[in-house]
Amino acid sequence: MKNLVLLFIPLLFTIHSLSAAKPNVILVMADDQGWGQMGYMNHPALKTPHLDAMSENGLRLDRFYAGGPVCSPTRATVLTGRTHDRTGVFDHGYALRIQEKTLGQAMKRAGYATGHFGKWHLNGLRGPGAPIFKEDSHHPGAFGFDEWLSVTNFFDRNPIMSRKGKIEEYSGDSSEIIVDEALKFIKANATSNKPFFTVIWYGTPHDPWTAAKADKKSFTKLNQKAQEHYGELVAMDRSIGTLRKSLREMGVAQNTLVWFMSDNGGLPRLDPPTTGGLRSYKGSMYEGGLRVPAIIEWPNGISKVRITKYPAGAVDIFPTIAEVAGLEKSDLLKPQDGMSLAKLFLKEPGPRQKPLPFRSRGRIAVVDNDYKMISFPDSGKTRYELYNLANDMSEQDNLFKKEPKIANQLRKKLKAIDASVTASVNGQDYPEKKVAPQPPRIFWWERESYHPYFSEWIKRPEYGPRLKRHIESQK
């Protein structure tokens, strides 16, 4: 018996250490980077040495799923642990409901310094990324971020951004800019021994693409569009190197959990392709639209470097951080669609007990370990497709009629997911049992507060053509 007790001590100590330590947390998200666009995936053109190094020092998740097939939905899922339709973010450009409980708010209550840097896209405004005004009811500060340097949507070189409502103009690559600014925030809090929660949401490699000449030099055999696209990814990868090196120099790398992912699948019509052999692209419920690259690096919590094929996703981020940071159960709004991955940090836990749900544009999908089912609205009826992803990663063999037992099981789960999400959409998760008024989903130039800036911003390449069309249409 004594020997048996001794055998359990190391495991208990490891689990206790994982939950007792209060790590710093950095969430990093690329914008439109496909599952295949990593050096470690043997991409034929792109090298990502810094992301590769991160994967070689942490947990590489090769079956990781975005919250949805486009950008705003995944951002809502990351901040809530809930599939995006529940939160009112039905598609790109919808505002996150103010009634949701967010990770930023929970970390702030737990004593963390909270900062958001980069793309926001949760305040109801569409169009190329513009500065967010302090009067905006759905700016990052409204969801728990004490510091923020943010734009409404995608952004490129030489951006103009908003620091808590104050417009600031920058020169250089957007990825490197927001990492540099995030590091100032991190350093200030590391110096004062305050734990920090930092969100870095890139605008790369979302179009339009504009890369530095030096970053394009490896891609001269590609067409001009691909050169710019892949050049942006080179700069983004370099900024990851800057982030990791700076954390080591500050002495906080050991107990800082850095979680990298993309917000949705890769883009079509690029050569080399972006999704690594998966079916379809951004916007799709097939793997190419949902499965994304992901790495977690946390030396104090992930001591055994490895690659996992455990199915996990953006819905798991909030529950996982809640466990390792010691957040309160009440910090997470129910129902939660994700689960903590803390056990995965230590070892492979076996089959996933909670399927991964998705609902987008009337389509519903569920990933249940090896199997995935998708339902599509089709001329007033519902069409189902079933795939075994372990044998058919590219989703070519529809098993719906071939495996009726599995099909019936997953169809029941799809219907249960749909009913539950519909209740959430109708406000049943909130104390008021109804949805509070939301900002409309509009282009930012339709909001009057932006009109005084038209004469200056119309000269900018990212805004000019759209502003000219808008002004012309108003005549």
Protein backbone atom coordinates (compact mmCIF):
# COMPACT_ATOMS: atom_id res chain seq x y z
CA MET A 1 0.00 0.00 0.00
CA LYS A 2 2.85 2.37 0.84
CA ASN A 3 4.38 1.84 -2.62
CA LEU A 4 0.98 2.39 -4.24
CA VAL A 5 0.58 5.72 -2.46
CA LEU A 6 4.07 6.77 -3.54
CA LEU A 7 3.20 5.97 -7.16
CA PHE A 8 0.27 8.39 -7.03
CA ILE A 9 2.19 11.28 -5.42
CA PRO A 10 3.92 12.53 -8.63
CA LEU A 11 0.62 12.58 -10.55
CA LEU A 12 -1.24 14.36 -7.77
CA PHE A 13 1.59 16.86 -7.42
CA THR A 14 1.59 17.57 -11.15
CA ILE A 15 -2.17 18.13 -11.29
CA HIS A 16 -2.03 20.27 -8.15
CA SER A 17 0.84 22.33 -9.58
CA LEU A 18 -1.07 22.86 -12.83
CA SER A 19 -4.06 24.35 -11.05
CA ALA A 20 -2.18 26.09 -8.20
CA ALA A 21 0.15 28.13 -10.39
CA LYS A 22 -1.47 31.30 -11.70
CA PRO A 23 -0.05 31.64 -15.21
CA ASN A 24 0.08 34.72 -17.33
CA VAL A 25 -2.03 34.13 -20.44
CA ILE A 26 -1.54 35.37 -24.02
CA LEU A 27 -4.06 34.49 -26.72
CA VAL A 28 -2.75 34.99 -30.25
CA MET A 29 -4.95 34.68 -33.33
CA ALA A 30 -4.13 34.89 -37.01
CA ASP A 31 -6.77 36.15 -39.44
CA ASP A 32 -7.51 33.68 -42.29
CA GLN A 33 -4.43 31.48 -41.89
CA GLY A 34 -5.20 27.99 -43.17
CA TRP A 35 -4.43 24.68 -41.46
CA GLY A 36 -1.74 23.89 -44.02
CA GLN A 37 0.07 27.23 -43.80
CA MET A 38 2.73 26.23 -41.31
CA GLY A 39 6.31 25.22 -41.89
CA TYR A 40 5.82 22.12 -39.74
CA MET A 41 3.05 21.04 -42.14
CA ASN A 42 5.67 20.86 -44.90
CA HIS A 43 4.13 23.73 -46.81
CA PRO A 44 5.83 23.89 -50.23
CA ALA A 45 6.60 27.63 -50.09
CA LEU A 46 6.11 29.07 -46.60
CA LYS A 47 8.60 28.71 -43.75
CA THR A 48 7.47 29.55 -40.21
CA PRO A 49 10.59 29.00 -38.07
CA HIS A 50 9.25 30.79 -35.00
CA LEU A 51 5.90 29.03 -34.95
CA ASP A 52 7.77 25.77 -35.57
CA ALA A 53 10.00 26.51 -32.57
CA MET A 54 6.94 27.24 -30.47
CA SER A 55 5.44 23.89 -31.46
CA GLU A 56 8.70 22.16 -30.56
CA ASN A 57 8.45 23.56 -27.05
CA GLY A 58 4.77 22.95 -26.39
CA LEU A 59 1.63 21.13 -27.41
CA ARG A 60 0.81 21.14 -31.11
CA LEU A 61 -2.89 20.51 -31.73
CA ASP A 62 -3.41 19.04 -35.19
CA ARG A 63 -7.20 18.64 -34.78
CA PHE A 64 -8.11 22.07 -33.49
CA TYR A 65 -11.27 23.84 -34.62
CA ALA A 66 -12.21 27.49 -34.90
CA GLY A 67 -15.43 28.63 -33.26
CA GLY A 68 -17.01 29.06 -36.68
CA PRO A 69 -16.07 29.24 -40.35
CA VAL A 70 -15.57 33.04 -40.37
CA CYS A 71 -13.89 35.59 -38.12
CA SER A 72 -16.24 37.41 -35.70
CA PRO A 73 -17.95 34.16 -34.66
CA THR A 74 -14.68 32.58 -33.57
CA ARG A 75 -13.73 35.69 -31.58
CA ALA A 76 -17.06 35.50 -29.75
CA THR A 77 -16.51 31.82 -29.02
CA VAL A 78 -13.00 32.41 -27.64
CA LEU A 79 -14.28 35.07 -25.24
CA THR A 80 -17.33 33.11 -24.04
CA GLY A 81 -16.71 29.36 -24.40
CA ARG A 82 -19.99 29.19 -26.35
CA THR A 83 -20.74 28.41 -29.96
CA HIS A 84 -21.18 31.79 -31.59
CA ASP A 85 -24.88 31.82 -32.50
CA ARG A 86 -25.65 31.70 -28.76
CA THR A 87 -23.88 35.03 -28.31
CA GLY A 88 -25.66 36.90 -31.11
CA VAL A 89 -22.60 36.83 -33.37
CA PHE A 90 -24.26 35.00 -36.23
CA ASP A 91 -21.73 35.99 -38.87
CA HIS A 92 -18.84 38.37 -39.48
CA GLY A 93 -19.55 41.89 -38.25
CA TYR A 94 -22.23 41.15 -35.65
CA ALA A 95 -21.84 42.66 -32.18
CA LEU A 96 -21.22 40.44 -29.16
CA ARG A 97 -24.14 40.72 -26.78
CA ILE A 98 -23.35 42.83 -23.75
CA GLN A 99 -25.18 40.22 -21.63
CA GLU A 100 -22.53 37.59 -22.31
CA LYS A 101 -19.94 36.74 -19.65
CA THR A 102 -16.46 37.08 -21.14
CA LEU A 103 -13.02 35.76 -20.41
CA GLY A 104 -11.71 39.34 -20.21
CA GLN A 105 -14.16 40.18 -17.44
CA ALA A 106 -13.37 36.99 -15.54
CA MET A 107 -9.61 37.52 -15.71
CA LYS A 108 -10.01 41.12 -14.57
CA ARG A 109 -12.02 39.99 -11.54
CA ALA A 110 -9.33 37.41 -10.79
CA GLY A 111 -6.70 40.16 -10.48
CA TYR A 112 -5.18 40.04 -13.95
CA ALA A 113 -4.18 43.09 -15.96
CA THR A 114 -6.17 42.75 -19.20
CA GLY A 115 -5.21 44.07 -22.62
CA HIS A 116 -6.47 43.69 -26.19
CA PHE A 117 -4.28 44.49 -29.21
CA GLY A 118 -5.35 44.35 -32.85
CA LYS A 119 -8.53 43.26 -34.60
CA TRP A 120 -11.75 43.35 -32.55
CA HIS A 121 -14.72 42.89 -34.93
CA LEU A 122 -17.28 42.38 -32.17
CA ASN A 123 -18.96 45.78 -32.17
CA GLY A 124 -21.29 45.50 -35.15
CA LEU A 125 -19.13 47.38 -37.66
CA ARG A 126 -18.05 46.02 -41.04
CA GLY A 127 -15.54 47.25 -43.59
CA PRO A 128 -11.72 47.59 -43.39
CA GLY A 129 -10.54 48.06 -39.83
CA ALA A 130 -11.02 51.57 -38.47
CA PRO A 131 -10.25 53.05 -35.04
CA ILE A 132 -12.85 52.27 -32.36
CA PHE A 133 -14.24 55.32 -30.57
CA LYS A 134 -14.53 55.51 -26.78
CA GLU A 135 -18.26 56.20 -27.17
CA ASP A 136 -18.72 52.80 -28.83
CA SER A 137 -20.91 50.71 -26.50
CA HIS A 138 -19.18 47.49 -27.56
CA HIS A 139 -15.50 48.42 -27.50
CA PRO A 140 -13.03 45.99 -25.88
CA GLY A 141 -13.23 47.82 -22.56
CA ALA A 142 -16.92 46.95 -22.30
CA PHE A 143 -15.95 43.28 -22.23
CA GLY A 144 -13.22 43.41 -19.61
CA PHE A 145 -10.10 44.84 -21.26
CA ASP A 146 -8.52 47.62 -19.20
CA GLU A 147 -6.10 48.51 -21.99
CA TRP A 148 -6.81 48.27 -25.68
CA LEU A 149 -5.20 49.31 -28.91
CA SER A 150 -7.72 48.09 -31.43
CA VAL A 151 -9.42 48.41 -34.80
CA THR A 152 -12.88 47.36 -35.89
CA ASN A 153 -11.77 44.72 -38.40
CA PHE A 154 -8.84 43.57 -40.56
CA PHE A 155 -5.88 45.93 -40.87
CA ASP A 156 -2.67 46.06 -42.85
CA ARG A 157 0.58 48.00 -43.11
CA ASN A 158 0.79 51.50 -41.61
CA PRO A 159 -2.52 51.23 -39.73
CA ILE A 160 -4.43 53.82 -37.79
CA MET A 161 -5.69 52.36 -34.52
CA SER A 162 -7.47 53.41 -31.36
CA ARG A 163 -5.91 53.40 -27.90
CA LYS A 164 -8.98 53.44 -25.66
CA GLY A 165 -10.67 55.81 -28.09
CA LYS A 166 -7.68 57.97 -29.00
CA ILE A 167 -6.58 57.63 -32.63
CA GLU A 168 -2.93 56.74 -33.19
CA GLU A 169 -1.11 56.26 -36.50
CA TYR A 170 1.64 53.68 -37.02
CA SER A 171 4.20 52.78 -39.67
CA GLY A 172 5.28 49.26 -40.53
CA ASP A 173 3.88 45.76 -40.58
CA SER A 174 0.66 45.43 -38.60
CA SER A 175 1.66 42.14 -36.93
CA GLU A 176 4.92 43.55 -35.63
CA ILE A 177 3.20 46.76 -34.48
CA ILE A 178 0.65 45.06 -32.27
CA VAL A 179 3.18 42.63 -30.79
CA ASP A 180 5.49 45.54 -29.93
CA GLU A 181 2.60 47.40 -28.29
CA ALA A 182 1.43 44.30 -26.44
CA LEU A 183 4.96 43.77 -25.11
CA LYS A 184 4.94 47.26 -23.58
CA PHE A 185 1.79 46.28 -21.70
CA ILE A 186 3.28 42.93 -20.71
CA LYS A 187 6.55 44.44 -19.54
CA ALA A 188 4.82 47.05 -17.38
CA ASN A 189 2.85 44.36 -15.57
CA ALA A 190 5.71 41.87 -15.36
CA THR A 191 7.83 44.58 -13.74
CA SER A 192 5.17 45.15 -11.09
CA ASN A 193 4.61 41.39 -10.63
CA LYS A 194 1.01 41.60 -11.75
CA PRO A 195 -0.34 38.65 -13.76
CA PHE A 196 -1.40 39.64 -17.25
CA PHE A 197 -4.01 38.46 -19.73
CA THR A 198 -3.13 39.68 -23.21
CA VAL A 199 -5.09 39.18 -26.43
CA ILE A 200 -3.18 39.71 -29.70
CA TRP A 201 -5.45 39.42 -32.73
CA TYR A 202 -3.60 39.90 -36.01
CA GLY A 203 -5.01 41.32 -39.24
CA THR A 204 -2.76 38.91 -41.17
CA PRO A 205 -3.14 37.24 -43.64
CA HIS A 206 -6.58 38.73 -44.38
CA ASP A 207 -6.75 40.64 -47.65
CA PRO A 208 -5.81 43.17 -48.95
CA TRP A 209 -2.24 41.94 -48.84
CA THR A 210 0.74 44.26 -48.64
CA ALA A 211 4.04 42.79 -47.55
CA ALA A 212 7.47 44.37 -47.16
CA LYS A 213 9.83 43.78 -50.08
CA ALA A 214 12.22 41.75 -47.94
CA ASP A 215 9.42 39.45 -46.77
CA LYS A 216 8.39 38.64 -50.35
CA LYS A 217 11.82 37.70 -51.65
CA SER A 218 11.33 33.96 -51.03
CA PHE A 219 8.20 33.86 -53.17
CA THR A 220 9.31 35.31 -56.52
CA LYS A 221 8.05 32.22 -58.36
CA LEU A 222 4.50 32.83 -57.10
CA ASN A 223 2.01 35.27 -58.59
CA GLN A 224 1.85 38.78 -57.16
CA LYS A 225 -1.17 38.10 -54.96
CA ALA A 226 0.46 35.04 -53.39
CA GLN A 227 3.74 36.91 -52.88
CA GLU A 228 1.99 39.58 -50.83
CA HIS A 229 -0.09 37.02 -48.91
CA TYR A 230 2.81 34.78 -47.96
CA GLY A 231 5.05 37.77 -47.30
CA GLU A 232 2.59 38.93 -44.64
CA LEU A 233 2.82 35.52 -42.99
CA VAL A 234 6.61 35.79 -42.87
CA ALA A 235 6.29 39.03 -40.89
CA MET A 236 3.65 37.54 -38.62
CA ASP A 237 5.87 34.57 -37.87
CA ARG A 238 8.76 36.93 -37.10
CA SER A 239 6.55 38.78 -34.63
CA ILE A 240 5.92 35.47 -32.86
CA GLY A 241 9.68 35.16 -32.50
CA THR A 242 9.83 38.66 -31.02
CA LEU A 243 7.07 37.80 -28.56
CA ARG A 244 8.70 34.55 -27.38
CA LYS A 245 12.18 36.07 -27.11
CA SER A 246 10.88 39.05 -25.13
CA LEU A 247 9.02 36.82 -22.68
CA ARG A 248 12.27 34.94 -22.03
CA GLU A 249 14.21 38.19 -21.58
CA MET A 250 11.61 39.43 -19.07
CA GLY A 251 11.91 36.20 -17.12
CA VAL A 252 8.21 35.34 -17.45
CA ALA A 253 8.23 32.76 -20.26
CA GLN A 254 8.16 29.74 -17.93
CA ASN A 255 4.83 30.62 -16.41
CA THR A 256 3.18 32.27 -19.40
CA LEU A 257 0.63 30.26 -21.37
CA VAL A 258 0.72 31.33 -25.02
CA TRP A 259 -2.10 29.95 -27.17
CA PHE A 260 -1.81 30.45 -30.93
CA MET A 261 -4.58 29.71 -33.44
CA SER A 262 -6.29 31.04 -36.55
CA ASP A 263 -9.84 32.38 -36.62
CA ASN A 264 -11.10 30.21 -39.50
CA GLY A 265 -9.91 28.07 -42.36
CA GLY A 266 -7.67 29.22 -45.19
CA LEU A 267 -8.51 31.18 -48.32
CA PRO A 268 -9.33 29.83 -51.78
CA ARG A 269 -7.68 30.76 -55.07
CA LEU A 270 -4.15 30.88 -53.69
CA ASP A 271 -1.29 28.80 -54.98
CA PRO A 272 0.18 26.99 -53.09
CA PRO A 273 -3.12 26.04 -51.42
CA THR A 274 -3.84 27.02 -47.83
CA THR A 275 -5.70 24.15 -46.17
CA GLY A 276 -3.23 21.27 -46.34
CA GLY A 277 -5.47 18.85 -48.25
CA LEU A 278 -8.63 19.53 -46.24
CA ARG A 279 -11.91 20.03 -48.09
CA SER A 280 -13.01 23.57 -48.90
CA TYR A 281 -12.03 26.90 -47.34
CA LYS A 282 -13.09 29.80 -45.12
CA GLY A 283 -16.88 30.02 -44.82
CA SER A 284 -17.39 26.27 -45.19
CA MET A 285 -18.47 23.75 -42.55
CA TYR A 286 -16.08 21.21 -44.05
CA GLU A 287 -12.68 20.75 -42.40
CA GLY A 288 -11.01 23.36 -44.61
CA GLY A 289 -13.30 26.02 -43.18
CA LEU A 290 -13.15 24.96 -39.53
CA ARG A 291 -9.89 23.16 -38.75
CA VAL A 292 -7.06 25.60 -38.00
CA PRO A 293 -3.43 25.54 -36.84
CA ALA A 294 -3.02 25.71 -33.06
CA ILE A 295 -0.15 25.56 -30.56
CA ILE A 296 -0.06 25.95 -26.79
CA GLU A 297 3.26 26.78 -25.14
CA TRP A 298 3.48 26.84 -21.35
CA PRO A 299 6.74 25.43 -19.95
CA ASN A 300 5.45 25.23 -16.36
CA GLY A 301 2.27 23.43 -17.39
CA ILE A 302 3.29 21.45 -20.48
CA SER A 303 6.52 19.70 -19.69
CA LYS A 304 6.17 16.92 -22.29
CA VAL A 305 6.42 18.35 -25.80
CA ARG A 306 4.23 16.47 -28.26
CA ILE A 307 1.77 16.53 -31.14
CA THR A 308 -1.83 15.61 -30.33
CA LYS A 309 -4.72 14.64 -32.56
CA TYR A 310 -7.20 15.05 -29.73
CA PRO A 311 -10.22 16.96 -31.09
CA ALA A 312 -10.38 20.38 -29.44
CA GLY A 313 -11.45 23.87 -30.37
CA ALA A 314 -12.00 27.53 -29.60
CA VAL A 315 -14.90 26.60 -27.32
CA ASP A 316 -12.34 24.99 -24.99
CA ILE A 317 -10.21 28.08 -24.42
CA PHE A 318 -12.32 29.77 -21.71
CA PRO A 319 -12.95 26.54 -19.73
CA THR A 320 -9.26 25.63 -19.90
CA ILE A 321 -8.04 29.02 -18.72
CA ALA A 322 -10.74 29.04 -16.04
CA GLU A 323 -9.22 25.88 -14.59
CA VAL A 324 -5.54 26.80 -14.78
CA ALA A 325 -6.10 30.39 -13.58
CA GLY A 326 -8.51 29.43 -10.82
CA LEU A 327 -11.53 31.37 -12.07
CA GLU A 328 -14.95 31.02 -10.49
CA LYS A 329 -17.52 28.67 -12.03
CA SER A 330 -19.97 31.55 -12.06
CA ASP A 331 -17.63 33.42 -14.45
CA LEU A 332 -18.79 31.19 -17.31
CA LEU A 333 -22.28 31.66 -18.70
CA LYS A 334 -24.21 28.42 -19.12
CA PRO A 335 -24.56 26.46 -21.24
CA GLN A 336 -20.88 26.05 -22.05
CA ASP A 337 -20.05 24.24 -25.27
CA GLY A 338 -16.38 23.63 -24.48
CA MET A 339 -14.41 21.76 -21.84
CA SER A 340 -11.12 22.20 -20.06
CA LEU A 341 -8.05 20.79 -21.80
CA ALA A 342 -5.92 20.90 -18.64
CA LYS A 343 -5.69 17.08 -18.52
CA LEU A 344 -4.47 17.11 -22.13
CA PHE A 345 -1.51 19.21 -20.99
CA LEU A 346 -0.31 16.22 -18.96
CA LYS A 347 -1.23 13.23 -21.11
CA GLU A 348 -3.62 11.95 -23.78
CA PRO A 349 -7.00 11.63 -22.01
CA GLY A 350 -8.66 9.14 -24.36
CA PRO A 351 -11.83 9.85 -26.36
CA ARG A 352 -13.37 13.29 -26.03
CA GLN A 353 -16.44 13.16 -23.80
CA LYS A 354 -18.12 16.32 -25.10
CA PRO A 355 -18.69 16.70 -28.86
CA LEU A 356 -17.69 19.93 -30.60
CA PRO A 357 -20.77 21.80 -31.88
CA PHE A 358 -21.05 24.33 -34.73
CA ARG A 359 -23.99 26.30 -36.09
CA SER A 360 -23.55 28.84 -38.88
CA ARG A 361 -25.81 30.23 -41.61
CA GLY A 362 -28.43 27.55 -41.04
CA ARG A 363 -25.88 24.73 -41.19
CA ILE A 364 -25.12 22.60 -38.14
CA ALA A 365 -22.11 20.34 -37.56
CA VAL A 366 -20.91 18.14 -34.75
CA VAL A 367 -17.46 16.59 -34.36
CA ASP A 368 -17.59 13.54 -32.12
CA ASN A 369 -14.07 12.09 -31.99
CA ASP A 370 -13.49 10.31 -35.33
CA TYR A 371 -16.91 11.15 -36.74
CA LYS A 372 -18.35 14.38 -38.07
CA MET A 373 -21.88 15.09 -39.22
CA ILE A 374 -23.08 18.19 -41.07
CA SER A 375 -26.66 19.18 -41.82
CA PHE A 376 -27.45 21.53 -44.69
CA PRO A 377 -30.77 23.28 -45.44
CA ASP A 378 -31.78 22.07 -48.89
CA SER A 379 -34.98 23.26 -50.61
CA GLY A 380 -37.02 23.24 -47.41
CA LYS A 381 -35.57 19.93 -46.27
CA THR A 382 -32.40 18.90 -44.43
CA ARG A 383 -29.52 17.10 -46.09
CA TYR A 384 -27.02 15.19 -43.94
CA GLU A 385 -23.42 14.19 -44.53
CA LEU A 386 -21.36 11.92 -42.27
CA TYR A 387 -17.60 11.41 -42.37
CA ASN A 388 -15.02 9.36 -40.52
CA LEU A 389 -12.20 11.89 -40.22
CA ALA A 390 -9.69 9.29 -39.04
CA ASN A 391 -9.97 7.50 -42.39
CA ASP A 392 -11.17 10.33 -44.59
CA MET A 393 -9.62 13.65 -43.59
CA SER A 394 -10.64 15.25 -46.90
CA GLU A 395 -14.33 14.30 -46.42
CA GLN A 396 -14.88 12.49 -49.71
CA ASP A 397 -16.88 9.43 -48.56
CA ASN A 398 -20.32 10.32 -47.18
CA LEU A 399 -21.22 7.52 -44.73
CA PHE A 400 -24.72 8.75 -43.88
CA LYS A 401 -26.42 5.78 -45.52
CA LYS A 402 -23.56 3.35 -44.97
CA GLU A 403 -23.40 3.68 -41.16
CA PRO A 404 -27.02 4.20 -40.05
CA LYS A 405 -26.36 3.57 -36.35
CA ILE A 406 -23.71 6.31 -36.11
CA ALA A 407 -25.80 8.55 -38.36
CA ASN A 408 -28.85 8.28 -36.09
CA GLN A 409 -26.78 8.98 -32.99
CA LEU A 410 -25.22 12.09 -34.44
CA ARG A 411 -28.46 13.31 -35.99
CA LYS A 412 -29.99 13.31 -32.49
CA LYS A 413 -27.02 15.31 -31.22
CA LEU A 414 -27.41 17.79 -34.07
CA LYS A 415 -31.06 18.32 -33.22
CA ALA A 416 -30.27 18.75 -29.53
CA ILE A 417 -27.56 21.30 -30.37
CA ASP A 418 -29.95 23.20 -32.63
CA ALA A 419 -32.68 23.34 -29.98
CA SER A 420 -30.26 24.46 -27.27
CA VAL A 421 -28.67 27.16 -29.42
CA THR A 422 -32.08 28.42 -30.53
CA ALA A 423 -33.05 28.88 -26.87
CA SER A 424 -29.84 30.87 -26.34
CA VAL A 425 -30.52 33.00 -29.42
CA ASN A 426 -33.91 33.87 -27.90
CA GLY A 427 -32.27 35.07 -24.68
CA GLN A 428 -33.08 32.15 -22.39
CA ASP A 429 -29.54 32.04 -20.93
CA TYR A 430 -29.80 35.57 -19.50
CA PRO A 431 -31.48 36.52 -16.21
CA GLU A 432 -33.89 38.77 -18.15
CA LYS A 433 -34.87 35.85 -20.43
CA LYS A 434 -34.65 38.20 -23.37
CA VAL A 435 -32.02 39.86 -25.56
CA ALA A 436 -31.05 43.44 -24.77
CA PRO A 437 -30.93 45.96 -27.65
CA GLN A 438 -27.95 45.40 -29.94
CA PRO A 439 -26.04 47.71 -32.29
CA PRO A 440 -27.01 47.15 -35.94
CA ARG A 441 -24.67 45.27 -38.26
CA ILE A 442 -23.54 48.10 -40.53
CA PHE A 443 -20.45 49.47 -42.26
CA TRP A 444 -18.54 51.90 -40.07
CA TRP A 445 -18.95 54.74 -42.56
CA GLU A 446 -22.70 54.53 -41.99
CA ARG A 447 -22.18 55.61 -38.37
CA GLU A 448 -22.27 59.41 -38.06
CA SER A 449 -19.38 59.56 -35.60
CA TYR A 450 -17.00 58.59 -38.44
CA HIS A 451 -18.14 61.26 -40.89
CA PRO A 452 -15.73 64.01 -39.69
CA TYR A 453 -12.80 61.78 -40.71
CA PHE A 454 -13.90 61.15 -44.29
CA SER A 455 -11.90 64.00 -45.85
CA GLU A 456 -8.65 62.68 -44.40
CA TRP A 457 -9.25 58.95 -44.54
CA ILE A 458 -10.39 58.99 -48.15
CA LYS A 459 -6.69 59.45 -49.01
CA ARG A 460 -5.79 56.13 -47.38
CA PRO A 461 -5.55 53.09 -49.69
CA GLU A 462 -7.54 50.79 -47.39
CA TYR A 463 -10.47 53.22 -47.07
CA GLY A 464 -10.39 55.40 -50.18
CA PRO A 465 -12.23 53.27 -52.77
CA ARG A 466 -15.02 52.29 -50.36
CA LEU A 467 -15.48 55.78 -48.98
CA LYS A 468 -15.67 57.23 -52.50
CA ARG A 469 -18.37 54.71 -53.43
CA HIS A 470 -20.30 55.48 -50.25
CA ILE A 471 -20.10 59.26 -50.71
CA GLU A 472 -21.14 58.92 -54.36
CA SER A 473 -24.13 56.78 -53.38
CA GLN A 474 -25.34 59.46 -50.96
CA LYS A 475 -25.54 62.14 -53.63
